PDB file of N, CA and C in Angstrom:
ATOM      1  N   MET A   1      12.481 -14.292  -1.908  1.00  0.00           N
ATOM      2  CA  MET A   1      11.333 -15.211  -1.723  1.00  0.00           C
ATOM      3  C   MET A   1      10.293 -14.335  -1.105  1.00  0.00           C
ATOM      4  N   SER A   2       9.022 -14.640  -1.554  1.00  0.00           N
ATOM      5  CA  SER A   2       7.875 -13.962  -0.957  1.00  0.00           C
ATOM      6  C   SER A   2       7.497 -14.500   0.402  1.00  0.00           C
ATOM      7  N   GLY A   3       7.767 -15.682   0.650  1.00  0.00           N
ATOM      8  CA  GLY A   3       7.409 -16.282   1.885  1.00  0.00           C
ATOM      9  C   GLY A   3       6.138 -16.889   1.840  1.00  0.00           C
ATOM     10  N   GLY A   4       5.364 -16.763   0.808  1.00  0.00           N
ATOM     11  CA  GLY A   4       4.027 -17.309   0.657  1.00  0.00           C
ATOM     12  C   GLY A   4       3.941 -18.631  -0.195  1.00  0.00           C
ATOM     13  N   PRO A   5       3.005 -19.286  -0.380  1.00  0.00           N
ATOM     14  CA  PRO A   5       2.923 -20.462  -1.158  1.00  0.00           C
ATOM     15  C   PRO A   5       3.324 -20.196  -2.681  1.00  0.00           C
ATOM     16  N   ALA A   6       3.788 -21.200  -3.252  1.00  0.00           N
ATOM     17  CA  ALA A   6       4.222 -21.077  -4.636  1.00  0.00           C
ATOM     18  C   ALA A   6       3.086 -20.541  -5.525  1.00  0.00           C
ATOM     19  N   GLY A   7       3.424 -19.684  -6.437  1.00  0.00           N
ATOM     20  CA  GLY A   7       2.490 -19.178  -7.285  1.00  0.00           C
ATOM     21  C   GLY A   7       1.715 -17.995  -6.813  1.00  0.00           C
ATOM     22  N   GLU A   8       1.746 -17.770  -5.437  1.00  0.00           N
ATOM     23  CA  GLU A   8       0.898 -16.631  -4.900  1.00  0.00           C
ATOM     24  C   GLU A   8       1.806 -15.353  -5.215  1.00  0.00           C
ATOM     25  N   GLY A   9       1.085 -14.429  -5.894  1.00  0.00           N
ATOM     26  CA  GLY A   9       1.796 -13.039  -6.227  1.00  0.00           C
ATOM     27  C   GLY A   9       2.715 -13.241  -7.605  1.00  0.00           C
ATOM     28  N   GLY A  10       2.829 -14.428  -7.941  1.00  0.00           N
ATOM     29  CA  GLY A  10       3.617 -14.628  -9.117  1.00  0.00           C
ATOM     30  C   GLY A  10       2.897 -14.577 -10.344  1.00  0.00           C
ATOM     31  N   PRO A  11       3.335 -15.278 -11.531  1.00  0.00           N
ATOM     32  CA  PRO A  11       2.555 -15.098 -12.728  1.00  0.00           C
ATOM     33  C   PRO A  11       1.221 -15.853 -12.760  1.00  0.00           C
ATOM     34  N   LYS A  12       1.067 -16.882 -11.831  1.00  0.00           N
ATOM     35  CA  LYS A  12      -0.221 -17.641 -11.626  1.00  0.00           C
ATOM     36  C   LYS A  12      -1.072 -17.003 -10.563  1.00  0.00           C
ATOM     37  N   GLY A  13      -0.576 -16.018  -9.839  1.00  0.00           N
ATOM     38  CA  GLY A  13      -1.277 -15.412  -8.797  1.00  0.00           C
ATOM     39  C   GLY A  13      -2.364 -14.376  -9.437  1.00  0.00           C
ATOM     40  N   ALA A  14      -3.435 -14.276  -8.753  1.00  0.00           N
ATOM     41  CA  ALA A  14      -4.573 -13.462  -9.432  1.00  0.00           C
ATOM     42  C   ALA A  14      -4.802 -12.385  -8.387  1.00  0.00           C
ATOM     43  N   ASN A  15      -4.113 -12.217  -7.282  1.00  0.00           N
ATOM     44  CA  ASN A  15      -4.456 -11.089  -6.356  1.00  0.00           C
ATOM     45  C   ASN A  15      -4.408  -9.603  -6.873  1.00  0.00           C
ATOM     46  N   TRP A  16      -3.572  -9.454  -7.824  1.00  0.00           N
ATOM     47  CA  TRP A  16      -3.374  -8.117  -8.431  1.00  0.00           C
ATOM     48  C   TRP A  16      -4.644  -7.773  -9.140  1.00  0.00           C
ATOM     49  N   LEU A  17      -5.465  -8.640  -9.633  1.00  0.00           N
ATOM     50  CA  LEU A  17      -6.657  -8.309 -10.160  1.00  0.00           C
ATOM     51  C   LEU A  17      -7.757  -7.653  -9.172  1.00  0.00           C
ATOM     52  N   VAL A  18      -7.686  -8.134  -8.028  1.00  0.00           N
ATOM     53  CA  VAL A  18      -8.524  -7.523  -6.888  1.00  0.00           C
ATOM     54  C   VAL A  18      -7.921  -6.029  -6.648  1.00  0.00           C
ATOM     55  N   GLY A  19      -6.630  -5.807  -6.661  1.00  0.00           N
ATOM     56  CA  GLY A  19      -6.078  -4.581  -6.408  1.00  0.00           C
ATOM     57  C   GLY A  19      -6.440  -3.596  -7.447  1.00  0.00           C
ATOM     58  N   ALA A  20      -6.521  -4.020  -8.810  1.00  0.00           N
ATOM     59  CA  ALA A  20      -6.855  -3.155  -9.901  1.00  0.00           C
ATOM     60  C   ALA A  20      -8.294  -2.849  -9.786  1.00  0.00           C
ATOM     61  N   ALA A  21      -9.111  -3.879  -9.383  1.00  0.00           N
ATOM     62  CA  ALA A  21     -10.540  -3.536  -9.149  1.00  0.00           C
ATOM     63  C   ALA A  21     -10.878  -2.511  -8.092  1.00  0.00           C
ATOM     64  N   VAL A  22     -10.160  -2.652  -7.017  1.00  0.00           N
ATOM     65  CA  VAL A  22     -10.058  -1.545  -5.972  1.00  0.00           C
ATOM     66  C   VAL A  22      -9.733  -0.157  -6.633  1.00  0.00           C
ATOM     67  N   GLY A  23      -8.673  -0.210  -7.175  1.00  0.00           N
ATOM     68  CA  GLY A  23      -8.304   1.157  -7.887  1.00  0.00           C
ATOM     69  C   GLY A  23      -9.460   1.579  -8.730  1.00  0.00           C
ATOM     70  N   CYS A  24     -10.028   0.912  -9.558  1.00  0.00           N
ATOM     71  CA  CYS A  24     -11.066   1.303 -10.371  1.00  0.00           C
ATOM     72  C   CYS A  24     -12.356   1.858  -9.771  1.00  0.00           C
ATOM     73  N   VAL A  25     -12.631   1.179  -8.622  1.00  0.00           N
ATOM     74  CA  VAL A  25     -13.688   1.612  -7.809  1.00  0.00           C
ATOM     75  C   VAL A  25     -13.433   2.986  -7.112  1.00  0.00           C
ATOM     76  N   LEU A  26     -12.184   3.111  -6.593  1.00  0.00           N
ATOM     77  CA  LEU A  26     -11.735   4.407  -6.011  1.00  0.00           C
ATOM     78  C   LEU A  26     -11.728   5.682  -6.948  1.00  0.00           C
ATOM     79  N   LEU A  27     -11.197   5.308  -8.219  1.00  0.00           N
ATOM     80  CA  LEU A  27     -11.208   6.299  -9.204  1.00  0.00           C
ATOM     81  C   LEU A  27     -12.657   6.774  -9.630  1.00  0.00           C
ATOM     82  N   SER A  28     -13.463   5.817  -9.598  1.00  0.00           N
ATOM     83  CA  SER A  28     -14.915   5.965  -9.841  1.00  0.00           C
ATOM     84  C   SER A  28     -15.513   6.874  -8.822  1.00  0.00           C
ATOM     85  N   ALA A  29     -15.359   6.581  -7.612  1.00  0.00           N
ATOM     86  CA  ALA A  29     -15.795   7.424  -6.569  1.00  0.00           C
ATOM     87  C   ALA A  29     -15.189   8.833  -6.593  1.00  0.00           C
ATOM     88  N   LEU A  30     -14.096   9.031  -6.989  1.00  0.00           N
ATOM     89  CA  LEU A  30     -13.513  10.330  -7.233  1.00  0.00           C
ATOM     90  C   LEU A  30     -14.219  11.027  -8.279  1.00  0.00           C
ATOM     91  N   ALA A  31     -14.731  10.343  -9.297  1.00  0.00           N
ATOM     92  CA  ALA A  31     -15.365  11.078 -10.428  1.00  0.00           C
ATOM     93  C   ALA A  31     -16.940  11.372 -10.097  1.00  0.00           C
ATOM     94  N   LEU A  32     -17.278  11.070  -8.919  1.00  0.00           N
ATOM     95  CA  LEU A  32     -18.661  11.491  -8.506  1.00  0.00           C
ATOM     96  C   LEU A  32     -18.840  12.985  -8.548  1.00  0.00           C
ATOM     97  N   ALA A  33     -17.751  13.706  -8.228  1.00  0.00           N
ATOM     98  CA  ALA A  33     -17.886  15.171  -8.141  1.00  0.00           C
ATOM     99  C   ALA A  33     -17.733  15.825  -9.454  1.00  0.00           C
ATOM    100  N   GLY A  34     -17.647  15.108 -10.512  1.00  0.00           N
ATOM    101  CA  GLY A  34     -17.324  15.681 -11.921  1.00  0.00           C
ATOM    102  C   GLY A  34     -18.649  15.989 -12.788  1.00  0.00           C
ATOM    103  N   GLY A  35     -18.340  16.244 -13.878  1.00  0.00           N
ATOM    104  CA  GLY A  35     -19.421  16.541 -14.898  1.00  0.00           C
ATOM    105  C   GLY A  35     -20.035  15.134 -15.526  1.00  0.00           C
ATOM    106  N   ILE A  36     -20.770  15.358 -16.537  1.00  0.00           N
ATOM    107  CA  ILE A  36     -21.558  14.217 -17.230  1.00  0.00           C
ATOM    108  C   ILE A  36     -20.393  13.177 -17.826  1.00  0.00           C
ATOM    109  N   LEU A  37     -19.339  13.727 -18.568  1.00  0.00           N
ATOM    110  CA  LEU A  37     -18.329  12.850 -18.976  1.00  0.00           C
ATOM    111  C   LEU A  37     -17.572  11.967 -17.812  1.00  0.00           C
ATOM    112  N   LEU A  38     -17.336  12.599 -16.679  1.00  0.00           N
ATOM    113  CA  LEU A  38     -16.768  11.986 -15.656  1.00  0.00           C
ATOM    114  C   LEU A  38     -17.726  10.846 -15.114  1.00  0.00           C
ATOM    115  N   HIS A  39     -18.977  11.229 -15.141  1.00  0.00           N
ATOM    116  CA  HIS A  39     -20.119  10.080 -14.648  1.00  0.00           C
ATOM    117  C   HIS A  39     -19.975   8.945 -15.606  1.00  0.00           C
ATOM    118  N   PHE A  40     -19.840   9.288 -16.888  1.00  0.00           N
ATOM    119  CA  PHE A  40     -19.952   8.034 -17.904  1.00  0.00           C
ATOM    120  C   PHE A  40     -18.728   7.188 -17.606  1.00  0.00           C
ATOM    121  N   LEU A  41     -17.490   7.854 -17.443  1.00  0.00           N
ATOM    122  CA  LEU A  41     -16.304   7.254 -17.064  1.00  0.00           C
ATOM    123  C   LEU A  41     -16.169   6.477 -15.807  1.00  0.00           C
ATOM    124  N   GLY A  42     -16.956   7.104 -14.758  1.00  0.00           N
ATOM    125  CA  GLY A  42     -17.080   6.447 -13.491  1.00  0.00           C
ATOM    126  C   GLY A  42     -17.904   5.318 -13.387  1.00  0.00           C
ATOM    127  N   TYR A  43     -19.043   5.367 -14.403  1.00  0.00           N
ATOM    128  CA  TYR A  43     -19.905   4.222 -14.436  1.00  0.00           C
ATOM    129  C   TYR A  43     -19.231   3.065 -15.146  1.00  0.00           C
ATOM    130  N   VAL A  44     -18.435   3.255 -16.061  1.00  0.00           N
ATOM    131  CA  VAL A  44     -17.593   2.188 -16.771  1.00  0.00           C
ATOM    132  C   VAL A  44     -16.587   1.576 -15.788  1.00  0.00           C
ATOM    133  N   LEU A  45     -15.831   2.465 -14.989  1.00  0.00           N
ATOM    134  CA  LEU A  45     -14.962   1.975 -14.136  1.00  0.00           C
ATOM    135  C   LEU A  45     -15.490   1.184 -13.041  1.00  0.00           C
ATOM    136  N   ALA A  46     -16.621   1.714 -12.380  1.00  0.00           N
ATOM    137  CA  ALA A  46     -17.251   0.997 -11.196  1.00  0.00           C
ATOM    138  C   ALA A  46     -17.987  -0.202 -11.675  1.00  0.00           C
ATOM    139  N   SER A  47     -18.412  -0.297 -12.731  1.00  0.00           N
ATOM    140  CA  SER A  47     -19.314  -1.421 -13.027  1.00  0.00           C
ATOM    141  C   SER A  47     -18.682  -2.342 -14.067  1.00  0.00           C
ATOM    142  N   LEU A  48     -18.494  -1.925 -15.255  1.00  0.00           N
ATOM    143  CA  LEU A  48     -17.885  -2.959 -16.375  1.00  0.00           C
ATOM    144  C   LEU A  48     -16.551  -3.347 -16.000  1.00  0.00           C
ATOM    145  N   LEU A  49     -15.655  -2.428 -15.823  1.00  0.00           N
ATOM    146  CA  LEU A  49     -14.228  -2.848 -15.502  1.00  0.00           C
ATOM    147  C   LEU A  49     -14.028  -3.427 -14.154  1.00  0.00           C
ATOM    148  N   ALA A  50     -14.590  -3.001 -13.196  1.00  0.00           N
ATOM    149  CA  ALA A  50     -14.322  -3.621 -11.925  1.00  0.00           C
ATOM    150  C   ALA A  50     -14.929  -5.080 -11.782  1.00  0.00           C
ATOM    151  N   PHE A  51     -16.090  -5.145 -12.246  1.00  0.00           N
ATOM    152  CA  PHE A  51     -16.916  -6.473 -12.303  1.00  0.00           C
ATOM    153  C   PHE A  51     -16.000  -7.438 -13.147  1.00  0.00           C
ATOM    154  N   SER A  52     -15.548  -7.110 -14.264  1.00  0.00           N
ATOM    155  CA  SER A  52     -14.763  -7.958 -15.060  1.00  0.00           C
ATOM    156  C   SER A  52     -13.487  -8.427 -14.535  1.00  0.00           C
ATOM    157  N   LEU A  53     -12.774  -7.411 -13.700  1.00  0.00           N
ATOM    158  CA  LEU A  53     -11.491  -7.752 -13.006  1.00  0.00           C
ATOM    159  C   LEU A  53     -11.856  -8.877 -12.085  1.00  0.00           C
ATOM    160  N   ILE A  54     -13.015  -8.753 -11.261  1.00  0.00           N
ATOM    161  CA  ILE A  54     -13.319  -9.654 -10.182  1.00  0.00           C
ATOM    162  C   ILE A  54     -13.623 -10.961 -10.787  1.00  0.00           C
ATOM    163  N   ALA A  55     -14.439 -10.897 -11.869  1.00  0.00           N
ATOM    164  CA  ALA A  55     -14.709 -12.242 -12.612  1.00  0.00           C
ATOM    165  C   ALA A  55     -13.392 -12.836 -13.093  1.00  0.00           C
ATOM    166  N   LEU A  56     -12.352 -12.189 -13.589  1.00  0.00           N
ATOM    167  CA  LEU A  56     -11.159 -12.861 -13.911  1.00  0.00           C
ATOM    168  C   LEU A  56     -10.359 -13.366 -12.635  1.00  0.00           C
ATOM    169  N   PHE A  57     -10.381 -12.547 -11.628  1.00  0.00           N
ATOM    170  CA  PHE A  57      -9.807 -13.017 -10.447  1.00  0.00           C
ATOM    171  C   PHE A  57     -10.354 -14.345  -9.933  1.00  0.00           C
ATOM    172  N   ARG A  58     -11.826 -14.385 -10.012  1.00  0.00           N
ATOM    173  CA  ARG A  58     -12.510 -15.663  -9.564  1.00  0.00           C
ATOM    174  C   ARG A  58     -12.150 -16.926 -10.395  1.00  0.00           C
ATOM    175  N   ARG A  59     -11.873 -16.454 -11.634  1.00  0.00           N
ATOM    176  CA  ARG A  59     -11.587 -17.624 -12.593  1.00  0.00           C
ATOM    177  C   ARG A  59     -10.319 -18.094 -12.311  1.00  0.00           C
ATOM    178  N   ARG A  60      -9.314 -17.099 -12.261  1.00  0.00           N
ATOM    179  CA  ARG A  60      -7.874 -17.418 -12.128  1.00  0.00           C
ATOM    180  C   ARG A  60      -7.640 -18.149 -10.717  1.00  0.00           C
ATOM    181  N   SER A  61      -8.362 -17.704  -9.586  1.00  0.00           N
ATOM    182  CA  SER A  61      -8.076 -18.244  -8.310  1.00  0.00           C
ATOM    183  C   SER A  61      -8.775 -19.628  -8.307  1.00  0.00           C
ATOM    184  N   SER A  62      -9.847 -19.915  -8.996  1.00  0.00           N
ATOM    185  CA  SER A  62     -10.412 -21.236  -9.014  1.00  0.00           C
ATOM    186  C   SER A  62      -9.492 -22.117  -9.891  1.00  0.00           C
ATOM    187  N   GLU A  63      -9.016 -21.665 -10.823  1.00  0.00           N
ATOM    188  CA  GLU A  63      -7.988 -22.456 -11.697  1.00  0.00           C
ATOM    189  C   GLU A  63      -6.741 -22.862 -10.871  1.00  0.00           C
ATOM    190  N   ARG A  64      -6.253 -21.826 -10.077  1.00  0.00           N
ATOM    191  CA  ARG A  64      -5.103 -22.135  -9.282  1.00  0.00           C
ATOM    192  C   ARG A  64      -5.214 -23.131  -8.103  1.00  0.00           C
ATOM    193  N   SER A  65      -6.558 -23.009  -7.576  1.00  0.00           N
ATOM    194  CA  SER A  65      -7.020 -23.914  -6.516  1.00  0.00           C
ATOM    195  C   SER A  65      -7.054 -25.323  -6.928  1.00  0.00           C
ATOM    196  N   LEU A  66      -7.713 -25.500  -8.312  1.00  0.00           N
ATOM    197  CA  LEU A  66      -7.842 -26.894  -8.872  1.00  0.00           C
ATOM    198  C   LEU A  66      -6.474 -27.438  -9.307  1.00  0.00           C
ATOM    199  N   THR A  67      -5.699 -26.530 -10.072  1.00  0.00           N
ATOM    200  CA  THR A  67      -4.519 -27.211 -10.503  1.00  0.00           C
ATOM    201  C   THR A  67      -3.379 -27.224  -9.640  1.00  0.00           C
ATOM    202  N   LEU A  68      -3.035 -26.325  -8.568  1.00  0.00           N
ATOM    203  CA  LEU A  68      -1.978 -26.282  -7.764  1.00  0.00           C
ATOM    204  C   LEU A  68      -2.268 -26.661  -6.335  1.00  0.00           C
ATOM    205  N   GLY A  69      -3.673 -26.700  -6.013  1.00  0.00           N
ATOM    206  CA  GLY A  69      -4.088 -26.935  -4.639  1.00  0.00           C
ATOM    207  C   GLY A  69      -3.853 -25.754  -3.773  1.00  0.00           C
ATOM    208  N   ILE A  70      -3.619 -24.548  -4.257  1.00  0.00           N
ATOM    209  CA  ILE A  70      -3.382 -23.325  -3.460  1.00  0.00           C
ATOM    210  C   ILE A  70      -4.556 -22.628  -3.346  1.00  0.00           C
ATOM    211  N   GLY A  71      -5.180 -22.377  -2.108  1.00  0.00           N
ATOM    212  CA  GLY A  71      -6.241 -21.634  -1.840  1.00  0.00           C
ATOM    213  C   GLY A  71      -6.110 -20.283  -1.836  1.00  0.00           C
ATOM    214  N   VAL A  72      -7.088 -19.283  -2.017  1.00  0.00           N
ATOM    215  CA  VAL A  72      -7.047 -17.887  -1.976  1.00  0.00           C
ATOM    216  C   VAL A  72      -7.209 -17.501  -0.504  1.00  0.00           C
ATOM    217  N   PRO A  73      -6.560 -16.646   0.174  1.00  0.00           N
ATOM    218  CA  PRO A  73      -6.696 -16.198   1.363  1.00  0.00           C
ATOM    219  C   PRO A  73      -8.253 -15.626   1.698  1.00  0.00           C
ATOM    220  N   HIS A  74      -8.695 -15.759   2.898  1.00  0.00           N
ATOM    221  CA  HIS A  74     -10.117 -15.445   3.147  1.00  0.00           C
ATOM    222  C   HIS A  74     -10.189 -13.912   3.019  1.00  0.00           C
ATOM    223  N   TRP A  75      -9.243 -13.097   3.294  1.00  0.00           N
ATOM    224  CA  TRP A  75      -9.396 -11.720   3.391  1.00  0.00           C
ATOM    225  C   TRP A  75      -9.347 -11.150   1.919  1.00  0.00           C
ATOM    226  N   VAL A  76      -8.831 -11.915   0.962  1.00  0.00           N
ATOM    227  CA  VAL A  76      -8.925 -11.549  -0.411  1.00  0.00           C
ATOM    228  C   VAL A  76     -10.218 -11.879  -1.028  1.00  0.00           C
ATOM    229  N   LYS A  77     -10.854 -12.865  -0.517  1.00  0.00           N
ATOM    230  CA  LYS A  77     -12.175 -13.199  -1.074  1.00  0.00           C
ATOM    231  C   LYS A  77     -13.255 -12.145  -0.457  1.00  0.00           C
ATOM    232  N   LEU A  78     -13.071 -11.763   0.867  1.00  0.00           N
ATOM    233  CA  LEU A  78     -13.801 -10.771   1.446  1.00  0.00           C
ATOM    234  C   LEU A  78     -13.690  -9.435   0.718  1.00  0.00           C
ATOM    235  N   THR A  79     -12.484  -9.065   0.338  1.00  0.00           N
ATOM    236  CA  THR A  79     -12.180  -7.806  -0.291  1.00  0.00           C
ATOM    237  C   THR A  79     -12.718  -7.882  -1.786  1.00  0.00           C
ATOM    238  N   ALA A  80     -12.743  -9.005  -2.457  1.00  0.00           N
ATOM    239  CA  ALA A  80     -13.432  -9.151  -3.680  1.00  0.00           C
ATOM    240  C   ALA A  80     -14.921  -8.877  -3.659  1.00  0.00           C
ATOM    241  N   ALA A  81     -15.567  -9.463  -2.643  1.00  0.00           N
ATOM    242  CA  ALA A  81     -16.981  -9.248  -2.374  1.00  0.00           C
ATOM    243  C   ALA A  81     -17.385  -7.787  -2.003  1.00  0.00           C
ATOM    244  N   GLY A  82     -16.407  -7.141  -1.278  1.00  0.00           N
ATOM    245  CA  GLY A  82     -16.676  -5.692  -0.909  1.00  0.00           C
ATOM    246  C   GLY A  82     -16.388  -4.741  -2.136  1.00  0.00           C
ATOM    247  N   VAL A  83     -15.534  -5.316  -3.030  1.00  0.00           N
ATOM    248  CA  VAL A  83     -15.358  -4.414  -4.213  1.00  0.00           C
ATOM    249  C   VAL A  83     -16.608  -4.552  -5.079  1.00  0.00           C
ATOM    250  N   LEU A  84     -17.116  -5.635  -5.126  1.00  0.00           N
ATOM    251  CA  LEU A  84     -18.392  -5.875  -5.892  1.00  0.00           C
ATOM    252  C   LEU A  84     -19.565  -4.990  -5.336  1.00  0.00           C
ATOM    253  N   PHE A  85     -19.623  -4.971  -3.945  1.00  0.00           N
ATOM    254  CA  PHE A  85     -20.800  -4.281  -3.450  1.00  0.00           C
ATOM    255  C   PHE A  85     -20.487  -2.737  -3.674  1.00  0.00           C
ATOM    256  N   ALA A  86     -19.218  -2.262  -3.469  1.00  0.00           N
ATOM    257  CA  ALA A  86     -18.858  -0.980  -3.562  1.00  0.00           C
ATOM    258  C   ALA A  86     -19.013  -0.381  -5.081  1.00  0.00           C
ATOM    259  N   GLY A  87     -18.652  -1.242  -5.982  1.00  0.00           N
ATOM    260  CA  GLY A  87     -18.788  -0.938  -7.293  1.00  0.00           C
ATOM    261  C   GLY A  87     -20.166  -0.735  -7.837  1.00  0.00           C
ATOM    262  N   PHE A  88     -21.028  -1.607  -7.199  1.00  0.00           N
ATOM    263  CA  PHE A  88     -22.439  -1.572  -7.509  1.00  0.00           C
ATOM    264  C   PHE A  88     -23.121  -0.352  -6.892  1.00  0.00           C
ATOM    265  N   ALA A  89     -22.706   0.077  -5.813  1.00  0.00           N
ATOM    266  CA  ALA A  89     -23.292   1.293  -5.125  1.00  0.00           C
ATOM    267  C   ALA A  89     -22.847   2.411  -5.884  1.00  0.00           C
ATOM    268  N   VAL A  90     -21.567   2.587  -6.231  1.00  0.00           N
ATOM    269  CA  VAL A  90     -21.024   3.666  -6.979  1.00  0.00           C
ATOM    270  C   VAL A  90     -21.552   3.793  -8.340  1.00  0.00           C
ATOM    271  N   SER A  91     -21.733   2.644  -8.976  1.00  0.00           N
ATOM    272  CA  SER A  91     -22.311   2.594 -10.385  1.00  0.00           C
ATOM    273  C   SER A  91     -23.844   3.111 -10.275  1.00  0.00           C
ATOM    274  N   ILE A  92     -24.548   2.877  -9.320  1.00  0.00           N
ATOM    275  CA  ILE A  92     -25.955   3.342  -9.151  1.00  0.00           C
ATOM    276  C   ILE A  92     -25.860   4.955  -8.969  1.00  0.00           C
ATOM    277  N   ALA A  93     -24.979   5.452  -8.107  1.00  0.00           N
ATOM    278  CA  ALA A  93     -24.824   6.699  -8.008  1.00  0.00           C
ATOM    279  C   ALA A  93     -24.560   7.458  -9.438  1.00  0.00           C
ATOM    280  N   HIS A  94     -23.603   6.922 -10.054  1.00  0.00           N
ATOM    281  CA  HIS A  94     -23.338   7.517 -11.444  1.00  0.00           C
ATOM    282  C   HIS A  94     -24.484   7.272 -12.370  1.00  0.00           C
ATOM    283  N   SER A  95     -25.237   6.262 -12.249  1.00  0.00           N
ATOM    284  CA  SER A  95     -26.379   6.155 -13.127  1.00  0.00           C
ATOM    285  C   SER A  95     -27.366   7.220 -12.769  1.00  0.00           C
ATOM    286  N   TRP A  96     -27.606   7.447 -11.482  1.00  0.00           N
ATOM    287  CA  TRP A  96     -28.652   8.473 -11.038  1.00  0.00           C
ATOM    288  C   TRP A  96     -28.209   9.867 -11.615  1.00  0.00           C
ATOM    289  N   PHE A  97     -26.941  10.153 -11.455  1.00  0.00           N
ATOM    290  CA  PHE A  97     -26.567  11.568 -11.985  1.00  0.00           C
ATOM    291  C   PHE A  97     -26.651  11.657 -13.557  1.00  0.00           C
ATOM    292  N   ILE A  98     -26.278  10.458 -14.232  1.00  0.00           N
ATOM    293  CA  ILE A  98     -26.540  10.546 -15.615  1.00  0.00           C
ATOM    294  C   ILE A  98     -27.827  10.683 -16.037  1.00  0.00           C
ATOM    295  N   ALA A  99     -28.924   9.913 -15.404  1.00  0.00           N
ATOM    296  CA  ALA A  99     -30.240   9.996 -15.679  1.00  0.00           C
ATOM    297  C   ALA A  99     -30.852  11.413 -15.392  1.00  0.00           C
ATOM    298  N   SER A 100     -30.360  11.908 -14.165  1.00  0.00           N
ATOM    299  CA  SER A 100     -30.905  13.276 -13.922  1.00  0.00           C
ATOM    300  C   SER A 100     -30.364  14.395 -14.811  1.00  0.00           C
ATOM    301  N   HIS A 101     -29.289  14.189 -15.317  1.00  0.00           N
ATOM    302  CA  HIS A 101     -28.793  15.129 -16.343  1.00  0.00           C
ATOM    303  C   HIS A 101     -29.483  15.233 -17.584  1.00  0.00           C
ATOM    304  N   PHE A 102     -30.004  14.102 -17.973  1.00  0.00           N
ATOM    305  CA  PHE A 102     -30.944  13.961 -19.347  1.00  0.00           C
ATOM    306  C   PHE A 102     -32.377  14.254 -19.117  1.00  0.00           C
ATOM    307  N   SER A 103     -32.853  14.353 -17.906  1.00  0.00           N
ATOM    308  CA  SER A 103     -34.282  14.527 -17.631  1.00  0.00           C
ATOM    309  C   SER A 103     -34.613  16.021 -17.540  1.00  0.00           C
TER     310      SER A 103
END
């Protein structure tokens, strides 16, 4: 047993989506030191993929809260907001490098 509420971390849990989004943003930050192809990949990881994973997390956590009455821990919500902020910042950096490459 996990010791947490039913559904948390199980098939109905959505916390793994936040972890995947954190991984995307971290990989994207590592790609800042690369060339133009890594900047394109980093932009996709930091913006499109990370933001989509957070959106899916929000949808599934709202669904779980409404159907099962299980709320998401506050630290997970803060982590999701931090991932959005960090992903936005890293995607701006990648955009800047991409734009400066073609100018």
